């Protein structure tokens, strides 16, 4: 069953240009990772520095393996200096009603 994931990020507004360039650089590897169906990046038009990653994965374990890989490769350490607060990760199951 497909799992929806949102990752809500608070980025230092003064670093948005650099942050988005960084994300553009890493996005192809995310999209190519096993189990990734969709990886979209949204910026909040009303809140400077707010970025939302919207993702679809084959399953939650696929996305969790991806996050573990990103942590092991040091990406999270590179991401940290851009952030003003810890990310909020939410997992969703689609309701077909």
PDB file of N, CA and C in Angstrom:
ATOM      1  N   UNK A   1       0.848  -1.175   0.000  1.00  0.00           N
ATOM      2  CA  UNK A   1       0.000   0.000   0.000  1.00  0.00           C
ATOM      3  C   UNK A   1       0.899   1.246   0.000  1.00  0.00           C
ATOM      4  N   UNK A   2       0.565   2.189  -0.817  1.00  0.00           N
ATOM      5  CA  UNK A   2       1.319   3.437  -0.899  1.00  0.00           C
ATOM      6  C   UNK A   2       1.194   4.221   0.396  1.00  0.00           C
ATOM      7  N   UNK A   3       2.307   4.813   0.816  1.00  0.00           N
ATOM      8  CA  UNK A   3       2.343   5.652   2.008  1.00  0.00           C
ATOM      9  C   UNK A   3       2.648   7.081   1.596  1.00  0.00           C
ATOM     10  N   UNK A   4       1.839   8.022   2.075  1.00  0.00           N
ATOM     11  CA  UNK A   4       2.101   9.440   1.865  1.00  0.00           C
ATOM     12  C   UNK A   4       2.922   9.969   3.019  1.00  0.00           C
ATOM     13  N   UNK A   5       3.848  10.866   2.710  1.00  0.00           N
ATOM     14  CA  UNK A   5       4.721  11.433   3.731  1.00  0.00           C
ATOM     15  C   UNK A   5       4.828  12.931   3.489  1.00  0.00           C
ATOM     16  N   UNK A   6       4.718  13.698   4.570  1.00  0.00           N
ATOM     17  CA  UNK A   6       5.049  15.114   4.496  1.00  0.00           C
ATOM     18  C   UNK A   6       6.177  15.384   5.478  1.00  0.00           C
ATOM     19  N   UNK A   7       7.094  16.226   5.045  1.00  0.00           N
ATOM     20  CA  UNK A   7       8.174  16.678   5.920  1.00  0.00           C
ATOM     21  C   UNK A   7       8.120  18.197   5.888  1.00  0.00           C
ATOM     22  N   UNK A   8       7.760  18.777   7.013  1.00  0.00           N
ATOM     23  CA  UNK A   8       7.585  20.216   7.149  1.00  0.00           C
ATOM     24  C   UNK A   8       8.881  20.804   7.697  1.00  0.00           C
ATOM     25  N   UNK A   9       9.474  21.720   6.937  1.00  0.00           N
ATOM     26  CA  UNK A   9      10.767  22.285   7.293  1.00  0.00           C
ATOM     27  C   UNK A   9      10.669  23.785   7.527  1.00  0.00           C
ATOM     28  N   UNK A  10      11.373  24.255   8.536  1.00  0.00           N
ATOM     29  CA  UNK A  10      11.529  25.689   8.789  1.00  0.00           C
ATOM     30  C   UNK A  10      12.955  26.047   8.424  1.00  0.00           C
ATOM     31  N   UNK A  11      13.102  26.744   7.300  1.00  0.00           N
ATOM     32  CA  UNK A  11      14.407  27.112   6.778  1.00  0.00           C
ATOM     33  C   UNK A  11      14.661  28.578   7.088  1.00  0.00           C
ATOM     34  N   UNK A  12      15.880  28.905   7.435  1.00  0.00           N
ATOM     35  CA  UNK A  12      16.242  30.306   7.629  1.00  0.00           C
ATOM     36  C   UNK A  12      15.912  31.050   6.336  1.00  0.00           C
ATOM     37  N   UNK A  13      14.997  32.029   6.370  1.00  0.00           N
ATOM     38  CA  UNK A  13      14.616  32.732   5.140  1.00  0.00           C
ATOM     39  C   UNK A  13      15.807  33.352   4.399  1.00  0.00           C
ATOM     40  N   UNK A  14      16.838  33.745   5.121  1.00  0.00           N
ATOM     41  CA  UNK A  14      18.025  34.328   4.485  1.00  0.00           C
ATOM     42  C   UNK A  14      18.824  33.297   3.699  1.00  0.00           C
ATOM     43  N   UNK A  15      18.530  32.016   3.920  1.00  0.00           N
ATOM     44  CA  UNK A  15      19.266  30.939   3.257  1.00  0.00           C
ATOM     45  C   UNK A  15      18.415  30.159   2.257  1.00  0.00           C
ATOM     46  N   UNK A  16      17.227  30.665   1.922  1.00  0.00           N
ATOM     47  CA  UNK A  16      16.322  29.917   1.042  1.00  0.00           C
ATOM     48  C   UNK A  16      16.937  29.631  -0.324  1.00  0.00           C
ATOM     49  N   UNK A  17      17.600  30.591  -0.917  1.00  0.00           N
ATOM     50  CA  UNK A  17      18.185  30.377  -2.236  1.00  0.00           C
ATOM     51  C   UNK A  17      19.190  29.242  -2.197  1.00  0.00           C
ATOM     52  N   UNK A  18      20.065  29.249  -1.193  1.00  0.00           N
ATOM     53  CA  UNK A  18      21.065  28.194  -1.059  1.00  0.00           C
ATOM     54  C   UNK A  18      20.415  26.851  -0.730  1.00  0.00           C
ATOM     55  N   UNK A  19      19.395  26.886   0.129  1.00  0.00           N
ATOM     56  CA  UNK A  19      18.696  25.660   0.504  1.00  0.00           C
ATOM     57  C   UNK A  19      18.042  25.023  -0.715  1.00  0.00           C
ATOM     58  N   UNK A  20      17.327  25.814  -1.499  1.00  0.00           N
ATOM     59  CA  UNK A  20      16.639  25.262  -2.665  1.00  0.00           C
ATOM     60  C   UNK A  20      17.628  24.741  -3.706  1.00  0.00           C
ATOM     61  N   UNK A  21      18.778  25.382  -3.841  1.00  0.00           N
ATOM     62  CA  UNK A  21      19.821  24.872  -4.741  1.00  0.00           C
ATOM     63  C   UNK A  21      20.334  23.526  -4.227  1.00  0.00           C
ATOM     64  N   UNK A  22      20.511  23.421  -2.916  1.00  0.00           N
ATOM     65  CA  UNK A  22      20.954  22.170  -2.293  1.00  0.00           C
ATOM     66  C   UNK A  22      19.933  21.056  -2.539  1.00  0.00           C
ATOM     67  N   UNK A  23      18.658  21.358  -2.335  1.00  0.00           N
ATOM     68  CA  UNK A  23      17.605  20.363  -2.533  1.00  0.00           C
ATOM     69  C   UNK A  23      17.519  19.960  -4.006  1.00  0.00           C
ATOM     70  N   UNK A  24      17.670  20.912  -4.900  1.00  0.00           N
ATOM     71  CA  UNK A  24      17.643  20.604  -6.333  1.00  0.00           C
ATOM     72  C   UNK A  24      18.771  19.616  -6.679  1.00  0.00           C
ATOM     73  N   UNK A  25      19.900  19.778  -6.012  1.00  0.00           N
ATOM     74  CA  UNK A  25      21.056  18.906  -6.234  1.00  0.00           C
ATOM     75  C   UNK A  25      20.791  17.473  -5.777  1.00  0.00           C
ATOM     76  N   UNK A  26      20.106  17.312  -4.648  1.00  0.00           N
ATOM     77  CA  UNK A  26      19.900  15.978  -4.080  1.00  0.00           C
ATOM     78  C   UNK A  26      18.604  15.304  -4.530  1.00  0.00           C
ATOM     79  N   UNK A  27      17.667  16.060  -5.087  1.00  0.00           N
ATOM     80  CA  UNK A  27      16.354  15.519  -5.443  1.00  0.00           C
ATOM     81  C   UNK A  27      16.416  14.335  -6.409  1.00  0.00           C
ATOM     82  N   UNK A  28      17.284  14.344  -7.430  1.00  0.00           N
ATOM     83  CA  UNK A  28      17.298  13.186  -8.333  1.00  0.00           C
ATOM     84  C   UNK A  28      17.606  11.860  -7.628  1.00  0.00           C
ATOM     85  N   UNK A  29      18.503  11.885  -6.652  1.00  0.00           N
ATOM     86  CA  UNK A  29      18.809  10.653  -5.906  1.00  0.00           C
ATOM     87  C   UNK A  29      17.622  10.215  -5.062  1.00  0.00           C
ATOM     88  N   UNK A  30      16.885  11.182  -4.515  1.00  0.00           N
ATOM     89  CA  UNK A  30      15.689  10.846  -3.746  1.00  0.00           C
ATOM     90  C   UNK A  30      14.664  10.195  -4.649  1.00  0.00           C
ATOM     91  N   UNK A  31      14.415  10.817  -5.789  1.00  0.00           N
ATOM     92  CA  UNK A  31      13.401  10.291  -6.718  1.00  0.00           C
ATOM     93  C   UNK A  31      13.776   8.914  -7.267  1.00  0.00           C
ATOM     94  N   UNK A  32      15.068   8.629  -7.351  1.00  0.00           N
ATOM     95  CA  UNK A  32      15.524   7.343  -7.879  1.00  0.00           C
ATOM     96  C   UNK A  32      15.625   6.264  -6.805  1.00  0.00           C
ATOM     97  N   UNK A  33      15.459   6.637  -5.532  1.00  0.00           N
ATOM     98  CA  UNK A  33      15.633   5.677  -4.452  1.00  0.00           C
ATOM     99  C   UNK A  33      14.527   4.621  -4.499  1.00  0.00           C
ATOM    100  N   UNK A  34      14.890   3.394  -4.159  1.00  0.00           N
ATOM    101  CA  UNK A  34      13.951   2.277  -4.185  1.00  0.00           C
ATOM    102  C   UNK A  34      12.688   2.595  -3.386  1.00  0.00           C
ATOM    103  N   UNK A  35      11.541   2.515  -4.048  1.00  0.00           N
ATOM    104  CA  UNK A  35      10.263   2.713  -3.378  1.00  0.00           C
ATOM    105  C   UNK A  35       9.698   4.112  -3.496  1.00  0.00           C
ATOM    106  N   UNK A  36      10.493   5.077  -3.964  1.00  0.00           N
ATOM    107  CA  UNK A  36       9.995   6.443  -4.098  1.00  0.00           C
ATOM    108  C   UNK A  36       9.139   6.550  -5.354  1.00  0.00           C
ATOM    109  N   UNK A  37       7.885   6.958  -5.168  1.00  0.00           N
ATOM    110  CA  UNK A  37       6.973   7.169  -6.284  1.00  0.00           C
ATOM    111  C   UNK A  37       6.897   8.646  -6.669  1.00  0.00           C
ATOM    112  N   UNK A  38       7.067   9.527  -5.682  1.00  0.00           N
ATOM    113  CA  UNK A  38       6.928  10.962  -5.907  1.00  0.00           C
ATOM    114  C   UNK A  38       7.696  11.716  -4.836  1.00  0.00           C
ATOM    115  N   UNK A  39       8.398  12.758  -5.255  1.00  0.00           N
ATOM    116  CA  UNK A  39       9.072  13.647  -4.309  1.00  0.00           C
ATOM    117  C   UNK A  39       8.892  15.068  -4.836  1.00  0.00           C
ATOM    118  N   UNK A  40       8.019  15.830  -4.207  1.00  0.00           N
ATOM    119  CA  UNK A  40       7.751  17.211  -4.586  1.00  0.00           C
ATOM    120  C   UNK A  40       8.183  18.150  -3.471  1.00  0.00           C
ATOM    121  N   UNK A  41       8.587  19.348  -3.866  1.00  0.00           N
ATOM    122  CA  UNK A  41       9.033  20.369  -2.918  1.00  0.00           C
ATOM    123  C   UNK A  41       8.100  21.567  -3.070  1.00  0.00           C
ATOM    124  N   UNK A  42       7.511  21.987  -1.968  1.00  0.00           N
ATOM    125  CA  UNK A  42       6.576  23.108  -1.959  1.00  0.00           C
ATOM    126  C   UNK A  42       7.106  24.188  -1.028  1.00  0.00           C
ATOM    127  N   UNK A  43       6.990  25.441  -1.442  1.00  0.00           N
ATOM    128  CA  UNK A  43       7.353  26.558  -0.571  1.00  0.00           C
ATOM    129  C   UNK A  43       6.078  27.309  -0.213  1.00  0.00           C
ATOM    130  N   UNK A  44       5.970  27.699   1.033  1.00  0.00           N
ATOM    131  CA  UNK A  44       4.782  28.384   1.551  1.00  0.00           C
ATOM    132  C   UNK A  44       4.822  29.844   1.111  1.00  0.00           C
ATOM    133  N   UNK A  45       3.792  30.284   0.401  1.00  0.00           N
ATOM    134  CA  UNK A  45       3.753  31.664  -0.082  1.00  0.00           C
ATOM    135  C   UNK A  45       3.450  32.667   1.027  1.00  0.00           C
ATOM    136  N   UNK A  46       2.962  32.187   2.163  1.00  0.00           N
ATOM    137  CA  UNK A  46       2.594  33.086   3.252  1.00  0.00           C
ATOM    138  C   UNK A  46       3.555  33.077   4.427  1.00  0.00           C
ATOM    139  N   UNK A  47       4.454  32.108   4.468  1.00  0.00           N
ATOM    140  CA  UNK A  47       5.389  31.982   5.588  1.00  0.00           C
ATOM    141  C   UNK A  47       6.803  31.845   5.027  1.00  0.00           C
ATOM    142  N   UNK A  48       7.585  32.921   5.082  1.00  0.00           N
ATOM    143  CA  UNK A  48       8.953  32.841   4.560  1.00  0.00           C
ATOM    144  C   UNK A  48       9.759  31.734   5.249  1.00  0.00           C
ATOM    145  N   UNK A  49      10.421  30.915   4.449  1.00  0.00           N
ATOM    146  CA  UNK A  49      11.264  29.860   4.996  1.00  0.00           C
ATOM    147  C   UNK A  49      10.566  28.544   5.244  1.00  0.00           C
ATOM    148  N   UNK A  50       9.257  28.503   5.074  1.00  0.00           N
ATOM    149  CA  UNK A  50       8.560  27.236   5.294  1.00  0.00           C
ATOM    150  C   UNK A  50       8.565  26.436   3.996  1.00  0.00           C
ATOM    151  N   UNK A  51       9.048  25.186   4.087  1.00  0.00           N
ATOM    152  CA  UNK A  51       9.145  24.299   2.938  1.00  0.00           C
ATOM    153  C   UNK A  51       8.494  22.969   3.313  1.00  0.00           C
ATOM    154  N   UNK A  52       7.751  22.422   2.377  1.00  0.00           N
ATOM    155  CA  UNK A  52       7.094  21.143   2.604  1.00  0.00           C
ATOM    156  C   UNK A  52       7.564  20.157   1.544  1.00  0.00           C
ATOM    157  N   UNK A  53       8.075  19.020   1.997  1.00  0.00           N
ATOM    158  CA  UNK A  53       8.355  17.916   1.096  1.00  0.00           C
ATOM    159  C   UNK A  53       7.107  17.038   1.094  1.00  0.00           C
ATOM    160  N   UNK A  54       6.585  16.773  -0.097  1.00  0.00           N
ATOM    161  CA  UNK A  54       5.432  15.898  -0.255  1.00  0.00           C
ATOM    162  C   UNK A  54       5.917  14.671  -1.005  1.00  0.00           C
ATOM    163  N   UNK A  55       5.757  13.505  -0.379  1.00  0.00           N
ATOM    164  CA  UNK A  55       6.344  12.284  -0.913  1.00  0.00           C
ATOM    165  C   UNK A  55       5.325  11.159  -0.937  1.00  0.00           C
ATOM    166  N   UNK A  56       5.457  10.291  -1.938  1.00  0.00           N
ATOM    167  CA  UNK A  56       4.716   9.034  -1.976  1.00  0.00           C
ATOM    168  C   UNK A  56       5.734   7.912  -2.079  1.00  0.00           C
ATOM    169  N   UNK A  57       5.542   6.891  -1.229  1.00  0.00           N
ATOM    170  CA  UNK A  57       6.456   5.754  -1.161  1.00  0.00           C
ATOM    171  C   UNK A  57       5.666   4.458  -1.264  1.00  0.00           C
ATOM    172  N   UNK A  58       6.348   3.406  -1.712  1.00  0.00           N
ATOM    173  CA  UNK A  58       5.706   2.095  -1.773  1.00  0.00           C
ATOM    174  C   UNK A  58       5.215   1.658  -0.398  1.00  0.00           C
ATOM    175  N   UNK A  59       5.957   2.042   0.646  1.00  0.00           N
ATOM    176  CA  UNK A  59       5.575   1.695   2.021  1.00  0.00           C
ATOM    177  C   UNK A  59       6.362   2.587   2.984  1.00  0.00           C
ATOM    178  N   UNK A  60       5.917   2.616   4.223  1.00  0.00           N
ATOM    179  CA  UNK A  60       6.651   3.367   5.238  1.00  0.00           C
ATOM    180  C   UNK A  60       8.069   2.830   5.424  1.00  0.00           C
ATOM    181  N   UNK A  61       8.264   1.498   5.466  1.00  0.00           N
ATOM    182  CA  UNK A  61       9.636   0.999   5.592  1.00  0.00           C
ATOM    183  C   UNK A  61      10.559   1.469   4.457  1.00  0.00           C
ATOM    184  N   UNK A  62      10.042   1.623   3.247  1.00  0.00           N
ATOM    185  CA  UNK A  62      10.865   2.149   2.152  1.00  0.00           C
ATOM    186  C   UNK A  62      11.365   3.556   2.490  1.00  0.00           C
ATOM    187  N   UNK A  63      10.454   4.400   2.962  1.00  0.00           N
ATOM    188  CA  UNK A  63      10.837   5.778   3.283  1.00  0.00           C
ATOM    189  C   UNK A  63      11.776   5.815   4.486  1.00  0.00           C
ATOM    190  N   UNK A  64      11.554   4.963   5.450  1.00  0.00           N
ATOM    191  CA  UNK A  64      12.423   4.922   6.621  1.00  0.00           C
ATOM    192  C   UNK A  64      13.830   4.442   6.251  1.00  0.00           C
ATOM    193  N   UNK A  65      13.933   3.487   5.328  1.00  0.00           N
ATOM    194  CA  UNK A  65      15.253   3.060   4.841  1.00  0.00           C
ATOM    195  C   UNK A  65      15.948   4.212   4.105  1.00  0.00           C
ATOM    196  N   UNK A  66      15.165   4.961   3.346  1.00  0.00           N
ATOM    197  CA  UNK A  66      15.706   6.133   2.658  1.00  0.00           C
ATOM    198  C   UNK A  66      16.267   7.138   3.667  1.00  0.00           C
ATOM    199  N   UNK A  67      15.494   7.466   4.700  1.00  0.00           N
ATOM    200  CA  UNK A  67      15.973   8.409   5.722  1.00  0.00           C
ATOM    201  C   UNK A  67      17.230   7.897   6.419  1.00  0.00           C
ATOM    202  N   UNK A  68      17.273   6.610   6.696  1.00  0.00           N
ATOM    203  CA  UNK A  68      18.469   6.026   7.321  1.00  0.00           C
ATOM    204  C   UNK A  68      19.675   6.176   6.393  1.00  0.00           C
ATOM    205  N   UNK A  69      19.472   5.931   5.108  1.00  0.00           N
ATOM    206  CA  UNK A  69      20.550   6.088   4.123  1.00  0.00           C
ATOM    207  C   UNK A  69      21.024   7.533   4.073  1.00  0.00           C
ATOM    208  N   UNK A  70      20.086   8.478   4.060  1.00  0.00           N
ATOM    209  CA  UNK A  70      20.461   9.893   4.024  1.00  0.00           C
ATOM    210  C   UNK A  70      21.231  10.280   5.293  1.00  0.00           C
ATOM    211  N   UNK A  71      20.872   9.720   6.415  1.00  0.00           N
ATOM    212  CA  UNK A  71      21.587   9.992   7.662  1.00  0.00           C
ATOM    213  C   UNK A  71      22.991   9.401   7.607  1.00  0.00           C
ATOM    214  N   UNK A  72      23.094   8.142   7.162  1.00  0.00           N
ATOM    215  CA  UNK A  72      24.396   7.461   7.077  1.00  0.00           C
ATOM    216  C   UNK A  72      25.366   8.174   6.134  1.00  0.00           C
ATOM    217  N   UNK A  73      24.842   8.748   5.063  1.00  0.00           N
ATOM    218  CA  UNK A  73      25.706   9.406   4.077  1.00  0.00           C
ATOM    219  C   UNK A  73      26.046  10.842   4.449  1.00  0.00           C
ATOM    220  N   UNK A  74      25.524  11.330   5.591  1.00  0.00           N
ATOM    221  CA  UNK A  74      25.859  12.667   6.069  1.00  0.00           C
ATOM    222  C   UNK A  74      24.982  13.780   5.538  1.00  0.00           C
ATOM    223  N   UNK A  75      23.955  13.445   4.770  1.00  0.00           N
ATOM    224  CA  UNK A  75      23.092  14.485   4.228  1.00  0.00           C
ATOM    225  C   UNK A  75      22.382  15.266   5.320  1.00  0.00           C
ATOM    226  N   UNK A  76      21.940  14.594   6.359  1.00  0.00           N
ATOM    227  CA  UNK A  76      21.220  15.290   7.435  1.00  0.00           C
ATOM    228  C   UNK A  76      22.120  16.313   8.124  1.00  0.00           C
ATOM    229  N   UNK A  77      23.408  16.004   8.226  1.00  0.00           N
ATOM    230  CA  UNK A  77      24.348  16.959   8.806  1.00  0.00           C
ATOM    231  C   UNK A  77      24.483  18.198   7.922  1.00  0.00           C
ATOM    232  N   UNK A  78      24.411  17.993   6.615  1.00  0.00           N
ATOM    233  CA  UNK A  78      24.486  19.120   5.675  1.00  0.00           C
ATOM    234  C   UNK A  78      23.196  19.931   5.683  1.00  0.00           C
ATOM    235  N   UNK A  79      22.078  19.278   5.936  1.00  0.00           N
ATOM    236  CA  UNK A  79      20.766  19.932   5.956  1.00  0.00           C
ATOM    237  C   UNK A  79      20.584  20.790   7.208  1.00  0.00           C
ATOM    238  N   UNK A  80      21.090  20.316   8.323  1.00  0.00           N
ATOM    239  CA  UNK A  80      20.870  20.954   9.621  1.00  0.00           C
ATOM    240  C   UNK A  80      21.136  22.446   9.689  1.00  0.00           C
ATOM    241  N   UNK A  81      22.248  22.961   9.160  1.00  0.00           N
ATOM    242  CA  UNK A  81      22.531  24.391   9.278  1.00  0.00           C
ATOM    243  C   UNK A  81      21.506  25.307   8.586  1.00  0.00           C
ATOM    244  N   UNK A  82      20.725  24.780   7.671  1.00  0.00           N
ATOM    245  CA  UNK A  82      19.696  25.583   7.010  1.00  0.00           C
ATOM    246  C   UNK A  82      18.447  25.752   7.874  1.00  0.00           C
ATOM    247  N   UNK A  83      18.245  24.831   8.826  1.00  0.00           N
ATOM    248  CA  UNK A  83      16.984  24.750   9.555  1.00  0.00           C
ATOM    249  C   UNK A  83      16.980  25.592  10.823  1.00  0.00           C
ATOM    250  N   UNK A  84      15.796  26.138  11.125  1.00  0.00           N
ATOM    251  CA  UNK A  84      15.618  26.911  12.354  1.00  0.00           C
ATOM    252  C   UNK A  84      14.846  26.125  13.413  1.00  0.00           C
ATOM    253  N   UNK A  85      14.367  24.934  13.039  1.00  0.00           N
ATOM    254  CA  UNK A  85      13.630  24.055  13.963  1.00  0.00           C
ATOM    255  C   UNK A  85      13.733  22.630  13.414  1.00  0.00           C
ATOM    256  N   UNK A  86      13.531  21.641  14.271  1.00  0.00           N
ATOM    257  CA  UNK A  86      13.543  20.264  13.783  1.00  0.00           C
ATOM    258  C   UNK A  86      12.410  20.030  12.774  1.00  0.00           C
ATOM    259  N   UNK A  87      12.638  19.198  11.770  1.00  0.00           N
ATOM    260  CA  UNK A  87      11.573  18.881  10.810  1.00  0.00           C
ATOM    261  C   UNK A  87      10.446  18.105  11.481  1.00  0.00           C
ATOM    262  N   UNK A  88       9.258  18.249  10.933  1.00  0.00           N
ATOM    263  CA  UNK A  88       8.112  17.470  11.376  1.00  0.00           C
ATOM    264  C   UNK A  88       7.753  16.498  10.260  1.00  0.00           C
ATOM    265  N   UNK A  89       7.821  15.203  10.572  1.00  0.00           N
ATOM    266  CA  UNK A  89       7.520  14.164   9.594  1.00  0.00           C
ATOM    267  C   UNK A  89       6.186  13.521   9.949  1.00  0.00           C
ATOM    268  N   UNK A  90       5.310  13.420   8.945  1.00  0.00           N
ATOM    269  CA  UNK A  90       4.006  12.774   9.133  1.00  0.00           C
ATOM    270  C   UNK A  90       3.814  11.717   8.060  1.00  0.00           C
ATOM    271  N   UNK A  91       3.206  10.603   8.453  1.00  0.00           N
ATOM    272  CA  UNK A  91       2.943   9.486   7.545  1.00  0.00           C
ATOM    273  C   UNK A  91       1.438   9.332   7.385  1.00  0.00           C
ATOM    274  N   UNK A  92       1.003   9.025   6.141  1.00  0.00           N
ATOM    275  CA  UNK A  92      -0.407   8.951   5.839  1.00  0.00           C
ATOM    276  C   UNK A  92      -0.724   7.692   5.025  1.00  0.00           C
ATOM    277  N   UNK A  93      -1.884   7.102   5.338  1.00  0.00           N
ATOM    278  CA  UNK A  93      -2.480   6.071   4.502  1.00  0.00           C
ATOM    279  C   UNK A  93      -3.646   6.712   3.762  1.00  0.00           C
ATOM    280  N   UNK A  94      -3.786   6.394   2.486  1.00  0.00           N
ATOM    281  CA  UNK A  94      -4.861   6.959   1.688  1.00  0.00           C
ATOM    282  C   UNK A  94      -6.180   6.321   2.071  1.00  0.00           C
ATOM    283  N   UNK A  95      -7.173   7.155   2.274  1.00  0.00           N
ATOM    284  CA  UNK A  95      -8.532   6.687   2.561  1.00  0.00           C
ATOM    285  C   UNK A  95      -9.317   6.710   1.261  1.00  0.00           C
ATOM    286  N   UNK A  96      -9.771   5.562   0.837  1.00  0.00           N
ATOM    287  CA  UNK A  96     -10.579   5.474  -0.374  1.00  0.00           C
ATOM    288  C   UNK A  96     -12.052   5.408   0.028  1.00  0.00           C
ATOM    289  N   UNK A  97     -12.650   6.562   0.198  1.00  0.00           N
ATOM    290  CA  UNK A  97     -14.034   6.577   0.657  1.00  0.00           C
ATOM    291  C   UNK A  97     -14.936   7.365  -0.247  1.00  0.00           C
TER     292      UNK A  97
END
